[in-house]
PDB file of N, CA and C in Angstrom:
ATOM      1  N   MET A   1     -63.448 -73.239 -68.030  1.00  0.00           N
ATOM      2  CA  MET A   1     -62.547 -74.743 -67.701  1.00  0.00           C
ATOM      3  C   MET A   1     -61.379 -74.748 -67.940  1.00  0.00           C
ATOM      4  N   SER A   2     -59.822 -75.099 -67.140  1.00  0.00           N
ATOM      5  CA  SER A   2     -58.908 -75.016 -67.380  1.00  0.00           C
ATOM      6  C   SER A   2     -57.894 -76.353 -67.948  1.00  0.00           C
ATOM      7  N   TYR A   3     -56.736 -75.992 -69.088  1.00  0.00           N
ATOM      8  CA  TYR A   3     -56.134 -77.454 -69.279  1.00  0.00           C
ATOM      9  C   TYR A   3     -55.078 -76.837 -69.000  1.00  0.00           C
ATOM     10  N   TRP A   4     -54.030 -77.742 -69.699  1.00  0.00           N
ATOM     11  CA  TRP A   4     -52.366 -78.120 -69.581  1.00  0.00           C
ATOM     12  C   TRP A   4     -51.752 -78.326 -71.051  1.00  0.00           C
ATOM     13  N   GLN A   5     -51.239 -77.241 -71.351  1.00  0.00           N
ATOM     14  CA  GLN A   5     -50.909 -77.167 -72.527  1.00  0.00           C
ATOM     15  C   GLN A   5     -49.128 -77.719 -73.372  1.00  0.00           C
ATOM     16  N   ARG A   6     -48.075 -78.666 -73.898  1.00  0.00           N
ATOM     17  CA  ARG A   6     -46.912 -78.593 -73.518  1.00  0.00           C
ATOM     18  C   ARG A   6     -46.554 -78.235 -75.396  1.00  0.00           C
ATOM     19  N   LEU A   7     -46.688 -77.358 -75.540  1.00  0.00           N
ATOM     20  CA  LEU A   7     -46.068 -77.812 -77.179  1.00  0.00           C
ATOM     21  C   LEU A   7     -44.447 -78.427 -77.367  1.00  0.00           C
ATOM     22  N   HIS A   8     -44.174 -79.847 -78.152  1.00  0.00           N
ATOM     23  CA  HIS A   8     -43.092 -79.860 -78.569  1.00  0.00           C
ATOM     24  C   HIS A   8     -42.658 -80.469 -79.583  1.00  0.00           C
ATOM     25  N   LEU A   9     -40.940 -79.782 -80.173  1.00  0.00           N
ATOM     26  CA  LEU A   9     -40.010 -80.437 -81.010  1.00  0.00           C
ATOM     27  C   LEU A   9     -40.985 -78.581 -81.823  1.00  0.00           C
ATOM     28  N   ASN A  10     -40.284 -77.327 -80.988  1.00  0.00           N
ATOM     29  CA  ASN A  10     -40.743 -76.361 -81.954  1.00  0.00           C
ATOM     30  C   ASN A  10     -42.060 -76.078 -82.233  1.00  0.00           C
ATOM     31  N   GLU A  11     -42.931 -76.339 -81.389  1.00  0.00           N
ATOM     32  CA  GLU A  11     -44.740 -76.495 -82.040  1.00  0.00           C
ATOM     33  C   GLU A  11     -45.242 -77.408 -82.783  1.00  0.00           C
ATOM     34  N   THR A  12     -44.868 -79.037 -82.910  1.00  0.00           N
ATOM     35  CA  THR A  12     -45.066 -79.475 -83.984  1.00  0.00           C
ATOM     36  C   THR A  12     -46.625 -80.080 -83.209  1.00  0.00           C
ATOM     37  N   ILE A  13     -45.891 -80.795 -81.970  1.00  0.00           N
ATOM     38  CA  ILE A  13     -46.794 -81.322 -81.403  1.00  0.00           C
ATOM     39  C   ILE A  13     -47.474 -81.703 -80.683  1.00  0.00           C
ATOM     40  N   LYS A  14     -49.077 -81.272 -80.038  1.00  0.00           N
ATOM     41  CA  LYS A  14     -49.195 -81.099 -78.790  1.00  0.00           C
ATOM     42  C   LYS A  14     -49.545 -81.467 -77.831  1.00  0.00           C
ATOM     43  N   ALA A  15     -49.598 -81.408 -76.290  1.00  0.00           N
ATOM     44  CA  ALA A  15     -50.036 -82.411 -75.174  1.00  0.00           C
ATOM     45  C   ALA A  15     -50.840 -81.765 -74.618  1.00  0.00           C
ATOM     46  N   MET A  16     -51.902 -81.732 -74.454  1.00  0.00           N
ATOM     47  CA  MET A  16     -52.885 -81.554 -73.378  1.00  0.00           C
ATOM     48  C   MET A  16     -53.002 -82.294 -72.405  1.00  0.00           C
ATOM     49  N   ALA A  17     -53.729 -81.859 -71.341  1.00  0.00           N
ATOM     50  CA  ALA A  17     -53.981 -82.222 -69.806  1.00  0.00           C
ATOM     51  C   ALA A  17     -54.929 -81.532 -69.627  1.00  0.00           C
ATOM     52  N   THR A  18     -56.186 -82.121 -69.300  1.00  0.00           N
ATOM     53  CA  THR A  18     -57.360 -81.330 -69.250  1.00  0.00           C
ATOM     54  C   THR A  18     -58.402 -82.191 -67.915  1.00  0.00           C
ATOM     55  N   SER A  19     -58.945 -81.312 -66.844  1.00  0.00           N
ATOM     56  CA  SER A  19     -58.740 -82.235 -65.601  1.00  0.00           C
ATOM     57  C   SER A  19     -60.370 -82.177 -65.849  1.00  0.00           C
ATOM     58  N   ASP A  20     -60.450 -83.896 -65.729  1.00  0.00           N
ATOM     59  CA  ASP A  20     -62.214 -84.782 -65.037  1.00  0.00           C
ATOM     60  C   ASP A  20     -62.858 -84.526 -63.902  1.00  0.00           C
ATOM     61  N   ASN A  21     -63.357 -83.525 -63.961  1.00  0.00           N
ATOM     62  CA  ASN A  21     -63.710 -82.016 -62.766  1.00  0.00           C
ATOM     63  C   ASN A  21     -63.313 -83.174 -61.400  1.00  0.00           C
ATOM     64  N   GLY A  22     -62.180 -82.680 -61.573  1.00  0.00           N
ATOM     65  CA  GLY A  22     -60.591 -83.312 -60.491  1.00  0.00           C
ATOM     66  C   GLY A  22     -60.981 -84.051 -60.427  1.00  0.00           C
ATOM     67  N   ARG A  23     -60.645 -85.101 -60.784  1.00  0.00           N
ATOM     68  CA  ARG A  23     -60.741 -87.234 -60.075  1.00  0.00           C
ATOM     69  C   ARG A  23     -59.906 -87.481 -61.328  1.00  0.00           C
ATOM     70  N   ARG A  24     -59.530 -86.521 -62.043  1.00  0.00           N
ATOM     71  CA  ARG A  24     -58.362 -87.241 -62.856  1.00  0.00           C
ATOM     72  C   ARG A  24     -58.106 -86.638 -64.386  1.00  0.00           C
ATOM     73  N   PHE A  25     -56.938 -86.422 -64.644  1.00  0.00           N
ATOM     74  CA  PHE A  25     -56.657 -86.066 -65.810  1.00  0.00           C
ATOM     75  C   PHE A  25     -56.814 -86.680 -67.400  1.00  0.00           C
ATOM     76  N   PHE A  26     -57.118 -86.260 -68.767  1.00  0.00           N
ATOM     77  CA  PHE A  26     -57.288 -86.645 -69.833  1.00  0.00           C
ATOM     78  C   PHE A  26     -56.716 -85.852 -70.127  1.00  0.00           C
ATOM     79  N   ILE A  27     -55.886 -86.701 -71.151  1.00  0.00           N
ATOM     80  CA  ILE A  27     -54.675 -86.436 -71.762  1.00  0.00           C
ATOM     81  C   ILE A  27     -54.805 -86.704 -73.009  1.00  0.00           C
ATOM     82  N   GLN A  28     -54.242 -85.867 -74.052  1.00  0.00           N
ATOM     83  CA  GLN A  28     -54.558 -85.977 -75.272  1.00  0.00           C
ATOM     84  C   GLN A  28     -52.726 -85.599 -76.066  1.00  0.00           C
ATOM     85  N   LEU A  29     -52.706 -86.498 -77.765  1.00  0.00           N
ATOM     86  CA  LEU A  29     -51.847 -85.858 -78.035  1.00  0.00           C
ATOM     87  C   LEU A  29     -52.181 -86.049 -79.252  1.00  0.00           C
ATOM     88  N   ARG A  30     -51.615 -84.643 -80.061  1.00  0.00           N
ATOM     89  CA  ARG A  30     -52.185 -83.915 -81.534  1.00  0.00           C
ATOM     90  C   ARG A  30     -50.263 -84.203 -82.192  1.00  0.00           C
ATOM     91  N   GLU A  31     -50.645 -85.072 -83.348  1.00  0.00           N
ATOM     92  CA  GLU A  31     -49.068 -85.221 -83.883  1.00  0.00           C
ATOM     93  C   GLU A  31     -49.829 -84.649 -85.240  1.00  0.00           C
ATOM     94  N   PRO A  32     -48.059 -83.898 -86.686  1.00  0.00           N
ATOM     95  CA  PRO A  32     -48.300 -82.742 -87.169  1.00  0.00           C
ATOM     96  C   PRO A  32     -49.020 -83.468 -88.785  1.00  0.00           C
ATOM     97  N   PRO A  33     -49.763 -82.231 -89.269  1.00  0.00           N
ATOM     98  CA  PRO A  33     -50.030 -82.803 -90.297  1.00  0.00           C
ATOM     99  C   PRO A  33     -49.188 -84.035 -91.214  1.00  0.00           C
ATOM    100  N   GLY A  34     -50.272 -84.873 -91.191  1.00  0.00           N
ATOM    101  CA  GLY A  34     -49.400 -85.661 -92.372  1.00  0.00           C
ATOM    102  C   GLY A  34     -49.282 -86.847 -91.405  1.00  0.00           C
ATOM    103  N   GLU A  35     -49.283 -87.014 -90.351  1.00  0.00           N
ATOM    104  CA  GLU A  35     -48.126 -88.309 -89.585  1.00  0.00           C
ATOM    105  C   GLU A  35     -49.665 -88.831 -89.846  1.00  0.00           C
ATOM    106  N   HIS A  36     -49.167 -90.701 -89.472  1.00  0.00           N
ATOM    107  CA  HIS A  36     -50.280 -91.863 -89.563  1.00  0.00           C
ATOM    108  C   HIS A  36     -50.666 -92.017 -89.073  1.00  0.00           C
ATOM    109  N   ARG A  37     -50.471 -91.785 -87.076  1.00  0.00           N
ATOM    110  CA  ARG A  37     -50.463 -92.507 -86.060  1.00  0.00           C
ATOM    111  C   ARG A  37     -52.044 -91.946 -85.768  1.00  0.00           C
ATOM    112  N   ASN A  38     -52.699 -92.657 -85.240  1.00  0.00           N
ATOM    113  CA  ASN A  38     -53.891 -91.738 -84.842  1.00  0.00           C
ATOM    114  C   ASN A  38     -53.532 -91.002 -83.343  1.00  0.00           C
ATOM    115  N   PRO A  39     -54.246 -89.726 -83.043  1.00  0.00           N
ATOM    116  CA  PRO A  39     -54.312 -89.029 -81.856  1.00  0.00           C
ATOM    117  C   PRO A  39     -54.194 -90.174 -80.232  1.00  0.00           C
ATOM    118  N   ILE A  40     -53.330 -89.876 -79.907  1.00  0.00           N
ATOM    119  CA  ILE A  40     -53.120 -90.731 -78.500  1.00  0.00           C
ATOM    120  C   ILE A  40     -54.096 -89.995 -77.150  1.00  0.00           C
ATOM    121  N   GLU A  41     -55.126 -90.667 -76.139  1.00  0.00           N
ATOM    122  CA  GLU A  41     -55.537 -89.918 -75.525  1.00  0.00           C
ATOM    123  C   GLU A  41     -55.976 -91.181 -74.123  1.00  0.00           C
ATOM    124  N   PHE A  42     -55.628 -90.471 -73.040  1.00  0.00           N
ATOM    125  CA  PHE A  42     -56.010 -91.596 -72.345  1.00  0.00           C
ATOM    126  C   PHE A  42     -55.848 -91.219 -70.675  1.00  0.00           C
ATOM    127  N   TYR A  43     -56.116 -91.563 -69.322  1.00  0.00           N
ATOM    128  CA  TYR A  43     -56.056 -90.829 -68.020  1.00  0.00           C
ATOM    129  C   TYR A  43     -54.704 -91.328 -67.419  1.00  0.00           C
ATOM    130  N   ARG A  44     -54.903 -90.034 -66.654  1.00  0.00           N
ATOM    131  CA  ARG A  44     -53.764 -90.448 -65.636  1.00  0.00           C
ATOM    132  C   ARG A  44     -54.582 -89.916 -63.843  1.00  0.00           C
ATOM    133  N   TRP A  45     -54.112 -90.081 -62.813  1.00  0.00           N
ATOM    134  CA  TRP A  45     -54.886 -89.559 -61.732  1.00  0.00           C
ATOM    135  C   TRP A  45     -54.369 -88.153 -61.481  1.00  0.00           C
ATOM    136  N   THR A  46     -53.146 -87.850 -61.406  1.00  0.00           N
ATOM    137  CA  THR A  46     -52.532 -86.578 -61.248  1.00  0.00           C
ATOM    138  C   THR A  46     -52.301 -85.730 -62.430  1.00  0.00           C
ATOM    139  N   LEU A  47     -52.068 -84.211 -62.065  1.00  0.00           N
ATOM    140  CA  LEU A  47     -51.695 -83.394 -63.668  1.00  0.00           C
ATOM    141  C   LEU A  47     -49.965 -83.904 -62.939  1.00  0.00           C
ATOM    142  N   THR A  48     -49.149 -84.628 -63.066  1.00  0.00           N
ATOM    143  CA  THR A  48     -48.032 -84.547 -62.828  1.00  0.00           C
ATOM    144  C   THR A  48     -47.914 -86.031 -63.149  1.00  0.00           C
ATOM    145  N   GLU A  49     -48.819 -86.887 -63.210  1.00  0.00           N
ATOM    146  CA  GLU A  49     -48.079 -87.906 -63.558  1.00  0.00           C
ATOM    147  C   GLU A  49     -48.959 -88.169 -65.264  1.00  0.00           C
ATOM    148  N   ALA A  50     -50.116 -87.000 -65.141  1.00  0.00           N
ATOM    149  CA  ALA A  50     -50.864 -86.613 -66.873  1.00  0.00           C
ATOM    150  C   ALA A  50     -49.495 -86.183 -67.806  1.00  0.00           C
ATOM    151  N   GLN A  51     -48.977 -85.256 -67.053  1.00  0.00           N
ATOM    152  CA  GLN A  51     -47.644 -84.444 -67.986  1.00  0.00           C
ATOM    153  C   GLN A  51     -46.274 -85.363 -67.819  1.00  0.00           C
ATOM    154  N   GLU A  52     -46.041 -86.775 -66.947  1.00  0.00           N
ATOM    155  CA  GLU A  52     -45.268 -87.428 -67.185  1.00  0.00           C
ATOM    156  C   GLU A  52     -44.928 -88.063 -68.660  1.00  0.00           C
ATOM    157  N   ALA A  53     -46.744 -88.845 -67.925  1.00  0.00           N
ATOM    158  CA  ALA A  53     -46.841 -89.778 -69.451  1.00  0.00           C
ATOM    159  C   ALA A  53     -46.635 -89.127 -70.295  1.00  0.00           C
ATOM    160  N   ALA A  54     -47.065 -87.932 -70.820  1.00  0.00           N
ATOM    161  CA  ALA A  54     -47.301 -87.521 -72.353  1.00  0.00           C
ATOM    162  C   ALA A  54     -46.179 -87.362 -72.792  1.00  0.00           C
ATOM    163  N   ASP A  55     -44.782 -86.359 -71.448  1.00  0.00           N
ATOM    164  CA  ASP A  55     -44.010 -86.736 -72.024  1.00  0.00           C
ATOM    165  C   ASP A  55     -43.159 -87.088 -72.580  1.00  0.00           C
ATOM    166  N   ARG A  56     -43.147 -88.381 -72.377  1.00  0.00           N
ATOM    167  CA  ARG A  56     -43.135 -90.194 -72.420  1.00  0.00           C
ATOM    168  C   ARG A  56     -43.120 -90.786 -73.810  1.00  0.00           C
ATOM    169  N   ILE A  57     -43.929 -90.941 -73.990  1.00  0.00           N
ATOM    170  CA  ILE A  57     -44.878 -90.972 -75.203  1.00  0.00           C
ATOM    171  C   ILE A  57     -44.946 -90.461 -76.878  1.00  0.00           C
ATOM    172  N   VAL A  58     -44.643 -89.200 -76.736  1.00  0.00           N
ATOM    173  CA  VAL A  58     -44.077 -88.331 -77.464  1.00  0.00           C
ATOM    174  C   VAL A  58     -42.735 -88.091 -77.873  1.00  0.00           C
ATOM    175  N   ASN A  59     -42.091 -88.186 -76.413  1.00  0.00           N
ATOM    176  CA  ASN A  59     -40.463 -88.844 -76.861  1.00  0.00           C
ATOM    177  C   ASN A  59     -39.991 -89.991 -77.172  1.00  0.00           C
ATOM    178  N   ALA A  60     -41.088 -90.929 -76.940  1.00  0.00           N
ATOM    179  CA  ALA A  60     -40.622 -92.740 -77.859  1.00  0.00           C
ATOM    180  C   ALA A  60     -41.097 -92.642 -78.896  1.00  0.00           C
ATOM    181  N   TYR A  61     -42.176 -91.540 -79.242  1.00  0.00           N
ATOM    182  CA  TYR A  61     -42.475 -91.824 -80.923  1.00  0.00           C
ATOM    183  C   TYR A  61     -41.409 -90.682 -81.816  1.00  0.00           C
ATOM    184  N   TYR A  62     -41.264 -89.815 -81.026  1.00  0.00           N
ATOM    185  CA  TYR A  62     -40.436 -88.492 -81.681  1.00  0.00           C
ATOM    186  C   TYR A  62     -39.163 -88.467 -80.458  1.00  0.00           C
ATOM    187  N   PRO A  63     -38.047 -89.021 -80.410  1.00  0.00           N
ATOM    188  CA  PRO A  63     -37.226 -89.021 -79.423  1.00  0.00           C
ATOM    189  C   PRO A  63     -36.361 -87.964 -79.672  1.00  0.00           C
ATOM    190  N   HIS A  64     -35.948 -87.246 -78.909  1.00  0.00           N
ATOM    191  CA  HIS A  64     -35.788 -85.918 -78.550  1.00  0.00           C
ATOM    192  C   HIS A  64     -34.864 -85.894 -77.371  1.00  0.00           C
ATOM    193  N   ASP A  65     -34.785 -84.490 -77.224  1.00  0.00           N
ATOM    194  CA  ASP A  65     -34.132 -83.764 -75.504  1.00  0.00           C
ATOM    195  C   ASP A  65     -34.799 -82.914 -75.751  1.00  0.00           C
ATOM    196  N   CYS A  66     -35.613 -83.418 -74.471  1.00  0.00           N
ATOM    197  CA  CYS A  66     -37.192 -82.581 -74.309  1.00  0.00           C
ATOM    198  C   CYS A  66     -36.675 -81.884 -73.211  1.00  0.00           C
ATOM    199  N   ASP A  67     -36.144 -80.167 -73.333  1.00  0.00           N
ATOM    200  CA  ASP A  67     -36.323 -79.224 -73.067  1.00  0.00           C
ATOM    201  C   ASP A  67     -36.907 -77.762 -73.253  1.00  0.00           C
ATOM    202  N   GLU A  68     -36.545 -76.938 -72.519  1.00  0.00           N
ATOM    203  CA  GLU A  68     -37.568 -75.514 -73.150  1.00  0.00           C
ATOM    204  C   GLU A  68     -37.350 -75.095 -73.958  1.00  0.00           C
ATOM    205  N   GLN A  69     -36.367 -75.425 -74.569  1.00  0.00           N
ATOM    206  CA  GLN A  69     -36.143 -74.876 -75.587  1.00  0.00           C
ATOM    207  C   GLN A  69     -36.139 -75.435 -76.898  1.00  0.00           C
ATOM    208  N   ILE A  70     -36.892 -76.472 -76.726  1.00  0.00           N
ATOM    209  CA  ILE A  70     -37.285 -77.507 -77.833  1.00  0.00           C
ATOM    210  C   ILE A  70     -39.233 -77.108 -77.458  1.00  0.00           C
ATOM    211  N   CYS A  71     -38.774 -77.842 -76.615  1.00  0.00           N
ATOM    212  CA  CYS A  71     -40.672 -78.427 -76.294  1.00  0.00           C
ATOM    213  C   CYS A  71     -41.421 -76.420 -75.003  1.00  0.00           C
ATOM    214  N   GLY A  72     -40.725 -75.887 -74.578  1.00  0.00           N
ATOM    215  CA  GLY A  72     -41.172 -74.983 -73.405  1.00  0.00           C
ATOM    216  C   GLY A  72     -41.269 -75.778 -72.238  1.00  0.00           C
ATOM    217  N   LEU A  73     -42.617 -74.989 -71.597  1.00  0.00           N
ATOM    218  CA  LEU A  73     -43.237 -75.898 -70.512  1.00  0.00           C
ATOM    219  C   LEU A  73     -44.268 -76.033 -70.287  1.00  0.00           C
ATOM    220  N   TRP A  74     -45.587 -76.090 -69.182  1.00  0.00           N
ATOM    221  CA  TRP A  74     -46.290 -76.957 -69.584  1.00  0.00           C
ATOM    222  C   TRP A  74     -47.300 -75.205 -69.108  1.00  0.00           C
ATOM    223  N   ARG A  75     -47.760 -75.164 -69.733  1.00  0.00           N
ATOM    224  CA  ARG A  75     -48.487 -74.129 -69.287  1.00  0.00           C
ATOM    225  C   ARG A  75     -50.164 -74.221 -69.108  1.00  0.00           C
ATOM    226  N   LYS A  76     -50.506 -73.910 -68.096  1.00  0.00           N
ATOM    227  CA  LYS A  76     -51.907 -73.900 -67.529  1.00  0.00           C
ATOM    228  C   LYS A  76     -53.181 -72.467 -68.570  1.00  0.00           C
ATOM    229  N   LEU A  77     -53.796 -72.638 -69.166  1.00  0.00           N
ATOM    230  CA  LEU A  77     -55.056 -72.599 -70.420  1.00  0.00           C
ATOM    231  C   LEU A  77     -56.285 -72.214 -69.566  1.00  0.00           C
ATOM    232  N   ASP A  78     -56.808 -71.479 -69.911  1.00  0.00           N
ATOM    233  CA  ASP A  78     -57.813 -71.585 -69.048  1.00  0.00           C
ATOM    234  C   ASP A  78     -58.843 -70.857 -70.343  1.00  0.00           C
ATOM    235  N   ASN A  79     -60.014 -71.429 -70.684  1.00  0.00           N
ATOM    236  CA  ASN A  79     -60.948 -71.150 -71.476  1.00  0.00           C
ATOM    237  C   ASN A  79     -62.251 -70.305 -71.253  1.00  0.00           C
TER     238      ASN A  79
END
């Protein structure tokens, strides 16, 4: 199974998008240790929608200029 990942803020926050049998994408956000929010999980219908939604949520909780130097790119990873 493949999934997409982007590490925000110098790899302190992880956003992941995993395909649900090609029908939709399951999104998970993981925060740094010691944070008190619950992990955020939700679905989107396309990979682009999933990536954009994950980036918006991370930026809402941790405002920053989300660029390649600070957050890298979305990367496809295979298990």
